[in-house]
Amino acid sequence: VRFRLGLRDDAVAELRAIADAPLGDEPSRRSATSALRQLATWYGEERQLPAQLACWRRILAVAAALADDPLTKESKTMVRELQVLLGPADPVTQPVRPSPLRALVARTASSP
């Protein structure tokens, strides 16, 4: 409701608090999964693909802990699709490698 009322930051903070709570028992894991799923949806609507991918990676981890095969399959599919969309912008699959060009750009950007 908060998100639709324009209180995006409050809504995201509330869902993050649920998602970041300790994942001790199955109900808390299910609650975290629901919160992460909603966050991923919102991030997708706002075209924030890196944040959406991070949510789906966390859902995948929770699904594996729950041994929830359908959710594991769905989250793996979403992670793969988002990795393809992000391509080299995904630091997990494409870590930054030092190169002469990067060094030159860094020096140029930091020089007065």
Protein backbone atom coordinates (compact mmCIF):
# COMPACT_ATOMS: atom_id res chain seq x y z
CA VAL A 1 0.00 0.00 0.00
CA ARG A 2 2.79 2.43 0.91
CA PHE A 3 4.52 1.84 -2.40
CA ARG A 4 1.36 2.64 -4.37
CA LEU A 5 0.79 5.76 -2.25
CA GLY A 6 4.19 7.07 -3.29
CA LEU A 7 5.94 6.21 -0.03
CA ARG A 8 8.47 4.07 -1.87
CA ASP A 9 11.36 4.46 0.57
CA ASP A 10 9.19 3.50 3.55
CA ALA A 11 7.75 0.49 1.73
CA VAL A 12 11.17 -0.73 0.59
CA ALA A 13 12.61 -0.25 4.09
CA GLU A 14 9.75 -2.25 5.60
CA LEU A 15 10.22 -5.15 3.19
CA ARG A 16 14.00 -5.09 3.63
CA ALA A 17 13.54 -5.36 7.40
CA ILE A 18 11.40 -8.46 6.89
CA ALA A 19 13.84 -9.93 4.36
CA ASP A 20 16.86 -9.20 6.57
CA ALA A 21 15.37 -10.75 9.72
CA PRO A 22 17.07 -13.91 10.99
CA LEU A 23 15.99 -16.94 8.97
CA GLY A 24 15.72 -19.39 11.84
CA ASP A 25 12.46 -21.20 11.18
CA GLU A 26 10.47 -22.04 8.07
CA PRO A 27 7.76 -19.37 8.57
CA SER A 28 10.40 -16.64 8.80
CA ARG A 29 12.04 -17.99 5.64
CA ARG A 30 8.69 -17.99 3.83
CA SER A 31 8.06 -14.44 5.03
CA ALA A 32 11.50 -13.35 3.81
CA THR A 33 10.84 -15.00 0.45
CA SER A 34 7.54 -13.14 0.07
CA ALA A 35 9.19 -9.83 0.97
CA LEU A 36 12.06 -10.45 -1.45
CA ARG A 37 9.67 -11.42 -4.20
CA GLN A 38 7.74 -8.18 -3.75
CA LEU A 39 10.96 -6.17 -3.70
CA ALA A 40 12.11 -7.87 -6.89
CA THR A 41 8.81 -7.00 -8.53
CA TRP A 42 9.10 -3.34 -7.54
CA TYR A 43 12.71 -3.16 -8.66
CA GLY A 44 11.71 -4.69 -11.98
CA GLU A 45 8.93 -2.13 -12.44
CA GLU A 46 11.49 0.61 -11.84
CA ARG A 47 14.04 -1.02 -14.18
CA GLN A 48 16.54 -1.47 -11.35
CA LEU A 49 17.87 -4.75 -12.69
CA PRO A 50 20.92 -5.09 -10.39
CA ALA A 51 18.70 -4.75 -7.32
CA GLN A 52 16.17 -7.15 -8.81
CA LEU A 53 18.93 -9.67 -9.47
CA ALA A 54 20.19 -9.34 -5.90
CA CYS A 55 16.69 -10.13 -4.60
CA TRP A 56 16.37 -13.20 -6.79
CA ARG A 57 19.80 -14.43 -5.69
CA ARG A 58 18.66 -14.18 -2.08
CA ILE A 59 15.40 -15.97 -2.93
CA LEU A 60 17.48 -18.73 -4.50
CA ALA A 61 19.52 -19.08 -1.29
CA VAL A 62 16.38 -19.27 0.85
CA ALA A 63 14.75 -21.73 -1.55
CA ALA A 64 17.78 -23.99 -1.33
CA ALA A 65 17.68 -23.82 2.48
CA LEU A 66 13.98 -24.75 2.42
CA ALA A 67 14.58 -27.51 -0.16
CA ASP A 68 11.73 -25.95 -2.13
CA ASP A 69 12.30 -27.39 -5.60
CA PRO A 70 9.73 -25.32 -7.52
CA LEU A 71 10.97 -22.07 -5.96
CA THR A 72 14.59 -23.09 -6.55
CA LYS A 73 13.83 -23.75 -10.21
CA GLU A 74 11.96 -20.45 -10.61
CA SER A 75 14.66 -18.43 -8.88
CA LYS A 76 17.45 -20.06 -10.91
CA THR A 77 15.58 -19.16 -14.08
CA MET A 78 15.10 -15.55 -12.96
CA VAL A 79 18.75 -15.23 -11.95
CA ARG A 80 19.92 -16.56 -15.32
CA GLU A 81 17.58 -14.24 -17.23
CA LEU A 82 18.67 -11.18 -15.27
CA GLN A 83 22.34 -12.12 -15.66
CA VAL A 84 21.83 -12.17 -19.43
CA LEU A 85 20.10 -8.79 -19.35
CA LEU A 86 22.80 -7.23 -17.19
CA GLY A 87 25.70 -8.85 -19.02
CA PRO A 88 29.00 -7.23 -18.09
CA ALA A 89 27.27 -4.91 -15.58
CA ASP A 90 26.85 -7.86 -13.19
CA PRO A 91 29.88 -7.80 -10.87
CA VAL A 92 29.27 -11.40 -9.75
CA THR A 93 29.59 -12.96 -13.19
CA GLN A 94 31.83 -10.28 -14.68
CA PRO A 95 34.19 -9.07 -11.95
CA VAL A 96 36.20 -5.95 -12.65
CA ARG A 97 39.60 -6.76 -14.05
CA PRO A 98 42.41 -4.23 -14.03
CA SER A 99 43.31 -2.94 -17.45
CA PRO A 100 45.44 -0.08 -18.79
CA LEU A 101 42.31 1.72 -19.97
CA ARG A 102 40.66 1.49 -16.53
CA ALA A 103 43.85 2.78 -14.91
CA LEU A 104 44.01 5.73 -17.32
CA VAL A 105 40.35 6.61 -16.74
CA ALA A 106 40.82 6.36 -12.96
CA ARG A 107 43.88 8.62 -13.04
CA THR A 108 42.11 11.13 -15.27
CA ALA A 109 39.01 11.17 -13.10
CA SER A 110 40.98 11.69 -9.89
CA SER A 111 43.37 14.36 -11.20
CA PRO A 112 42.47 18.01 -10.47
